């Protein structure tokens, strides 16, 4: 007895073509081309979701570095000072404070500076 697919094949194709709607030319109409393009697009989207996390971290570091330089401290010295001071704020929160609350960031910079000075005197 032969196998009859029923609506499965059509549904599968319709799903691919729906994902490919908006693509240019035959990539949105031809199932074979649409299937390749959709696979490539989904792969790129996966990679993009990973890249976005890197991009945000870079942006936070730039913002924190710029704000800490205004207070006379490099980014690396600021982060080292915060670690020495026992602060557990992450870069996302630090960047938000740097952008929206300059007074609070100045307090954090002073904490970092005093922790770095305390570290120097302890090691000397």
N, C-alpha and C. Protein backbone atom coordinates (compact mmCIF):
# COMPACT_ATOMS: atom_id res chain seq x y z
N UNK A 1 0.85 -1.19 0.00
CA UNK A 1 0.00 0.00 0.00
C UNK A 1 0.89 1.25 0.00
N UNK A 2 0.57 2.22 -0.83
CA UNK A 2 1.39 3.41 -0.91
C UNK A 2 1.04 4.42 0.18
N UNK A 3 2.03 5.25 0.51
CA UNK A 3 1.84 6.27 1.56
C UNK A 3 1.32 7.54 0.92
N UNK A 4 0.24 8.05 1.45
CA UNK A 4 -0.30 9.32 0.96
C UNK A 4 -0.01 10.37 2.04
N UNK A 5 0.63 11.44 1.63
CA UNK A 5 1.11 12.43 2.59
C UNK A 5 -0.01 13.26 3.22
N UNK A 6 -1.09 13.44 2.51
CA UNK A 6 -2.13 14.31 3.04
C UNK A 6 -1.65 15.75 3.03
N UNK A 7 -2.06 16.56 3.99
CA UNK A 7 -1.68 17.98 3.98
C UNK A 7 -0.29 18.26 4.54
N UNK A 8 0.43 17.24 4.99
CA UNK A 8 1.72 17.47 5.65
C UNK A 8 2.69 18.26 4.79
N UNK A 9 2.85 17.82 3.55
CA UNK A 9 3.84 18.45 2.68
C UNK A 9 3.47 19.91 2.42
N UNK A 10 2.18 20.13 2.14
CA UNK A 10 1.74 21.50 1.87
C UNK A 10 1.92 22.39 3.10
N UNK A 11 1.62 21.85 4.27
CA UNK A 11 1.77 22.64 5.50
C UNK A 11 3.23 22.98 5.77
N UNK A 12 4.10 22.00 5.51
CA UNK A 12 5.52 22.23 5.72
C UNK A 12 6.02 23.34 4.79
N UNK A 13 5.60 23.26 3.54
CA UNK A 13 6.01 24.27 2.56
C UNK A 13 5.43 25.64 2.91
N UNK A 14 4.18 25.64 3.34
CA UNK A 14 3.54 26.91 3.68
C UNK A 14 4.27 27.58 4.85
N UNK A 15 4.71 26.77 5.81
CA UNK A 15 5.44 27.31 6.96
C UNK A 15 6.74 27.97 6.51
N UNK A 16 7.48 27.32 5.61
CA UNK A 16 8.73 27.89 5.11
C UNK A 16 8.45 29.18 4.34
N UNK A 17 7.45 29.16 3.48
CA UNK A 17 7.15 30.34 2.66
C UNK A 17 6.65 31.50 3.53
N UNK A 18 5.97 31.18 4.62
CA UNK A 18 5.53 32.24 5.52
C UNK A 18 6.75 32.90 6.19
N UNK A 19 7.72 32.07 6.58
CA UNK A 19 8.94 32.63 7.17
C UNK A 19 9.71 33.46 6.15
N UNK A 20 9.58 33.10 4.87
CA UNK A 20 10.34 33.78 3.82
C UNK A 20 9.61 34.98 3.24
N UNK A 21 8.41 35.27 3.73
CA UNK A 21 7.68 36.41 3.17
C UNK A 21 8.46 37.68 3.47
N UNK A 22 8.58 38.53 2.48
CA UNK A 22 9.36 39.75 2.64
C UNK A 22 10.73 39.65 2.02
N UNK A 23 11.16 38.44 1.68
CA UNK A 23 12.43 38.29 0.98
C UNK A 23 12.24 38.72 -0.47
N UNK A 24 13.33 39.07 -1.12
CA UNK A 24 13.28 39.62 -2.46
C UNK A 24 13.27 38.50 -3.50
N UNK A 25 12.44 38.68 -4.53
CA UNK A 25 12.46 37.78 -5.69
C UNK A 25 11.98 36.38 -5.37
N UNK A 26 12.60 35.39 -6.01
CA UNK A 26 12.17 34.01 -5.85
C UNK A 26 12.42 33.47 -4.45
N UNK A 27 13.24 34.15 -3.68
CA UNK A 27 13.49 33.67 -2.33
C UNK A 27 12.23 33.69 -1.48
N UNK A 28 11.24 34.46 -1.88
CA UNK A 28 9.98 34.50 -1.13
C UNK A 28 8.90 33.64 -1.78
N UNK A 29 9.15 33.15 -3.01
CA UNK A 29 8.09 32.41 -3.73
C UNK A 29 8.47 30.97 -4.03
N UNK A 30 9.72 30.71 -4.29
CA UNK A 30 10.16 29.37 -4.63
C UNK A 30 10.54 28.62 -3.36
N UNK A 31 9.94 27.45 -3.17
CA UNK A 31 10.17 26.72 -1.93
C UNK A 31 11.64 26.35 -1.76
N UNK A 32 12.28 25.91 -2.83
CA UNK A 32 13.67 25.47 -2.72
C UNK A 32 14.58 26.62 -2.29
N UNK A 33 14.43 27.76 -2.93
CA UNK A 33 15.27 28.92 -2.57
C UNK A 33 14.89 29.47 -1.20
N UNK A 34 13.59 29.47 -0.92
CA UNK A 34 13.13 29.99 0.36
C UNK A 34 13.67 29.15 1.51
N UNK A 35 13.72 27.84 1.30
CA UNK A 35 14.19 26.94 2.35
C UNK A 35 15.65 27.24 2.69
N UNK A 36 16.48 27.45 1.67
CA UNK A 36 17.88 27.78 1.90
C UNK A 36 18.03 29.12 2.62
N UNK A 37 17.25 30.10 2.14
CA UNK A 37 17.36 31.44 2.71
C UNK A 37 16.88 31.48 4.15
N UNK A 38 15.79 30.77 4.45
CA UNK A 38 15.26 30.74 5.81
C UNK A 38 16.26 30.07 6.75
N UNK A 39 16.88 28.99 6.28
CA UNK A 39 17.88 28.31 7.11
C UNK A 39 19.04 29.24 7.42
N UNK A 40 19.49 29.98 6.42
CA UNK A 40 20.58 30.92 6.62
C UNK A 40 20.16 32.05 7.58
N UNK A 41 18.93 32.52 7.41
CA UNK A 41 18.44 33.61 8.25
C UNK A 41 18.32 33.18 9.70
N UNK A 42 17.82 31.97 9.92
CA UNK A 42 17.68 31.49 11.29
C UNK A 42 19.05 31.30 11.94
N UNK A 43 20.01 30.85 11.16
CA UNK A 43 21.37 30.69 11.67
C UNK A 43 21.97 32.04 12.05
N UNK A 44 21.75 33.04 11.19
CA UNK A 44 22.26 34.39 11.46
C UNK A 44 21.57 34.99 12.68
N UNK A 45 20.28 34.72 12.83
CA UNK A 45 19.54 35.25 13.98
C UNK A 45 20.09 34.67 15.28
N UNK A 46 20.43 33.38 15.25
CA UNK A 46 21.00 32.73 16.43
C UNK A 46 22.32 33.39 16.79
N UNK A 47 23.16 33.58 15.79
CA UNK A 47 24.46 34.24 16.01
C UNK A 47 24.25 35.66 16.53
N UNK A 48 23.27 36.36 15.97
CA UNK A 48 23.00 37.74 16.38
C UNK A 48 22.59 37.84 17.83
N UNK A 49 21.84 36.85 18.31
CA UNK A 49 21.45 36.88 19.72
C UNK A 49 22.66 36.74 20.63
N UNK A 50 23.65 35.99 20.21
CA UNK A 50 24.88 35.86 21.00
C UNK A 50 25.71 37.14 20.90
N UNK A 51 25.77 37.72 19.69
CA UNK A 51 26.55 38.95 19.49
C UNK A 51 26.00 40.11 20.29
N UNK A 52 24.66 40.16 20.43
CA UNK A 52 24.04 41.27 21.13
C UNK A 52 24.55 41.36 22.58
N UNK A 53 24.77 40.22 23.21
CA UNK A 53 25.27 40.21 24.58
C UNK A 53 26.67 40.83 24.64
N UNK A 54 27.50 40.49 23.64
CA UNK A 54 28.84 41.08 23.58
C UNK A 54 28.77 42.58 23.36
N UNK A 55 27.87 42.99 22.46
CA UNK A 55 27.77 44.41 22.12
C UNK A 55 27.34 45.24 23.34
N UNK A 56 26.38 44.71 24.11
CA UNK A 56 25.94 45.45 25.29
C UNK A 56 27.07 45.56 26.31
N UNK A 57 27.81 44.47 26.50
CA UNK A 57 28.92 44.52 27.46
C UNK A 57 29.95 45.56 27.04
N UNK A 58 30.27 45.60 25.73
CA UNK A 58 31.21 46.61 25.23
C UNK A 58 30.71 48.02 25.51
N UNK A 59 29.41 48.24 25.25
CA UNK A 59 28.83 49.56 25.46
C UNK A 59 28.90 49.95 26.94
N UNK A 60 28.58 49.00 27.82
CA UNK A 60 28.65 49.31 29.25
C UNK A 60 30.06 49.68 29.66
N UNK A 61 31.05 48.95 29.15
CA UNK A 61 32.44 49.22 29.51
C UNK A 61 32.86 50.60 29.02
N UNK A 62 32.44 50.97 27.82
CA UNK A 62 32.77 52.30 27.29
C UNK A 62 32.16 53.39 28.16
N UNK A 63 30.90 53.21 28.55
CA UNK A 63 30.24 54.22 29.38
C UNK A 63 30.89 54.34 30.75
N UNK A 64 31.19 53.21 31.35
CA UNK A 64 31.83 53.24 32.67
C UNK A 64 33.21 53.89 32.57
N UNK A 65 33.96 53.53 31.53
CA UNK A 65 35.29 54.09 31.33
C UNK A 65 35.25 55.59 31.15
N UNK A 66 34.29 56.07 30.35
CA UNK A 66 34.19 57.51 30.11
C UNK A 66 33.84 58.24 31.40
N UNK A 67 32.91 57.69 32.17
CA UNK A 67 32.49 58.36 33.41
C UNK A 67 33.60 58.32 34.45
N UNK A 68 34.32 57.21 34.52
CA UNK A 68 35.39 57.13 35.54
C UNK A 68 36.56 58.03 35.18
N UNK A 69 36.83 58.22 33.89
CA UNK A 69 37.91 59.13 33.48
C UNK A 69 37.59 60.58 33.85
N UNK A 70 36.30 60.92 33.83
CA UNK A 70 35.91 62.27 34.26
C UNK A 70 36.30 62.51 35.73
N UNK A 71 36.39 61.42 36.50
CA UNK A 71 36.74 61.53 37.91
C UNK A 71 38.20 61.17 38.16
N UNK A 72 38.99 61.07 37.09
CA UNK A 72 40.43 60.87 37.23
C UNK A 72 40.87 59.44 37.49
N UNK A 73 40.12 58.47 36.98
CA UNK A 73 40.45 57.08 37.20
C UNK A 73 40.18 56.30 35.91
N UNK A 74 41.10 55.43 35.54
CA UNK A 74 40.88 54.63 34.33
C UNK A 74 39.85 53.54 34.64
N UNK A 75 39.34 52.94 33.59
CA UNK A 75 38.32 51.89 33.75
C UNK A 75 38.87 50.73 34.58
N UNK A 76 40.07 50.26 34.22
CA UNK A 76 40.61 49.08 34.89
C UNK A 76 40.90 49.36 36.37
N UNK A 77 41.41 50.54 36.66
CA UNK A 77 41.68 50.91 38.06
C UNK A 77 40.36 51.06 38.83
N UNK A 78 39.34 51.59 38.17
CA UNK A 78 38.02 51.74 38.81
C UNK A 78 37.44 50.38 39.17
N UNK A 79 37.48 49.45 38.23
CA UNK A 79 36.92 48.11 38.48
C UNK A 79 37.74 47.40 39.56
N UNK A 80 39.08 47.53 39.50
CA UNK A 80 39.92 46.91 40.52
C UNK A 80 39.63 47.50 41.90
N UNK A 81 39.41 48.81 41.94
CA UNK A 81 39.09 49.47 43.21
C UNK A 81 37.75 49.02 43.76
N UNK A 82 36.75 48.86 42.87
CA UNK A 82 35.44 48.39 43.32
C UNK A 82 35.53 46.97 43.87
N UNK A 83 36.32 46.13 43.20
CA UNK A 83 36.49 44.75 43.69
C UNK A 83 37.17 44.75 45.05
N UNK A 84 38.17 45.61 45.20
CA UNK A 84 38.88 45.70 46.48
C UNK A 84 37.96 46.23 47.57
N UNK A 85 37.04 47.11 47.18
CA UNK A 85 36.10 47.67 48.15
C UNK A 85 34.98 46.69 48.50
N UNK A 86 34.89 45.60 47.73
CA UNK A 86 33.86 44.59 48.01
C UNK A 86 32.52 44.89 47.38
N UNK A 87 32.51 45.74 46.37
CA UNK A 87 31.26 46.07 45.68
C UNK A 87 30.89 44.93 44.73
N UNK A 88 29.62 44.59 44.69
CA UNK A 88 29.18 43.51 43.81
C UNK A 88 28.25 44.02 42.70
N UNK A 89 28.39 45.29 42.34
CA UNK A 89 27.59 45.84 41.25
C UNK A 89 28.14 45.34 39.91
N UNK A 90 27.25 44.94 39.01
CA UNK A 90 27.73 44.49 37.71
C UNK A 90 27.84 45.67 36.75
N UNK A 91 28.38 45.40 35.57
CA UNK A 91 28.67 46.47 34.62
C UNK A 91 27.40 47.13 34.09
N UNK A 92 26.34 46.36 33.98
CA UNK A 92 25.06 46.93 33.50
C UNK A 92 24.57 48.00 34.46
N UNK A 93 24.59 47.70 35.74
CA UNK A 93 24.12 48.64 36.76
C UNK A 93 25.07 49.84 36.84
N UNK A 94 26.38 49.57 36.79
CA UNK A 94 27.35 50.66 36.86
C UNK A 94 27.18 51.63 35.69
N UNK A 95 26.94 51.08 34.49
CA UNK A 95 26.74 51.94 33.32
C UNK A 95 25.49 52.78 33.47
N UNK A 96 24.43 52.19 34.02
CA UNK A 96 23.19 52.93 34.21
C UNK A 96 23.40 54.06 35.23
N UNK A 97 24.10 53.76 36.29
CA UNK A 97 24.39 54.80 37.30
C UNK A 97 25.25 55.90 36.68
N UNK A 98 26.24 55.50 35.87
CA UNK A 98 27.13 56.49 35.25
C UNK A 98 26.36 57.45 34.36
N UNK A 99 25.35 56.94 33.66
CA UNK A 99 24.59 57.78 32.73
C UNK A 99 23.55 58.62 33.45
N UNK A 100 22.86 58.03 34.44
CA UNK A 100 21.70 58.71 35.01
C UNK A 100 21.91 59.37 36.36
N UNK A 101 22.95 59.00 37.12
CA UNK A 101 23.13 59.55 38.46
C UNK A 101 24.62 59.81 38.71
N UNK A 102 25.06 61.00 38.32
CA UNK A 102 26.49 61.32 38.40
C UNK A 102 26.98 61.41 39.84
N UNK A 103 26.13 61.86 40.74
CA UNK A 103 26.54 61.99 42.14
C UNK A 103 26.80 60.61 42.75
N UNK A 104 25.94 59.67 42.48
CA UNK A 104 26.12 58.32 43.00
C UNK A 104 27.37 57.67 42.40
N UNK A 105 27.63 57.96 41.12
CA UNK A 105 28.83 57.41 40.49
C UNK A 105 30.09 58.01 41.11
N UNK A 106 30.02 59.29 41.46
CA UNK A 106 31.16 59.94 42.11
C UNK A 106 31.46 59.27 43.45
N UNK A 107 30.41 58.88 44.18
CA UNK A 107 30.60 58.18 45.45
C UNK A 107 31.28 56.84 45.21
N UNK A 108 30.85 56.13 44.15
CA UNK A 108 31.48 54.84 43.82
C UNK A 108 32.96 55.02 43.47
N UNK A 109 33.26 56.09 42.73
CA UNK A 109 34.65 56.35 42.35
C UNK A 109 35.49 56.62 43.60
N UNK A 110 34.94 57.37 44.53
CA UNK A 110 35.67 57.64 45.78
C UNK A 110 35.91 56.36 46.57
N UNK A 111 34.91 55.48 46.60
CA UNK A 111 35.09 54.19 47.27
C UNK A 111 36.22 53.40 46.62
N UNK A 112 36.22 53.40 45.28
CA UNK A 112 37.25 52.66 44.55
C UNK A 112 38.62 53.25 44.82
N UNK A 113 38.72 54.59 44.82
CA UNK A 113 40.01 55.25 45.09
C UNK A 113 40.51 54.92 46.49
N UNK A 114 39.62 55.00 47.47
CA UNK A 114 40.06 54.74 48.84
C UNK A 114 40.45 53.27 49.01
N UNK A 115 39.77 52.36 48.34
CA UNK A 115 40.13 50.94 48.42
C UNK A 115 41.49 50.71 47.77
N UNK A 116 41.75 51.40 46.66
CA UNK A 116 43.05 51.27 45.99
C UNK A 116 44.16 51.84 46.86
N UNK A 117 43.90 52.99 47.52
CA UNK A 117 44.90 53.58 48.40
C UNK A 117 45.18 52.68 49.60
N UNK A 118 44.13 52.08 50.14
CA UNK A 118 44.29 51.15 51.26
C UNK A 118 45.09 49.92 50.86
N UNK A 119 44.92 49.49 49.62
CA UNK A 119 45.63 48.33 49.11
C UNK A 119 47.12 48.65 48.95
N UNK A 120 47.41 49.89 48.50
CA UNK A 120 48.80 50.31 48.31
C UNK A 120 49.54 50.36 49.64
N UNK A 121 48.90 50.96 50.66
CA UNK A 121 49.56 51.09 51.95
C UNK A 121 49.73 49.72 52.63
N UNK A 122 48.80 48.82 52.40
CA UNK A 122 48.91 47.49 52.99
C UNK A 122 50.04 46.69 52.36
N UNK A 123 50.25 46.88 51.05
CA UNK A 123 51.30 46.11 50.37
C UNK A 123 52.68 46.73 50.57
N UNK A 124 52.72 48.02 50.90
CA UNK A 124 54.04 48.71 51.05
C UNK A 124 54.69 48.47 52.37
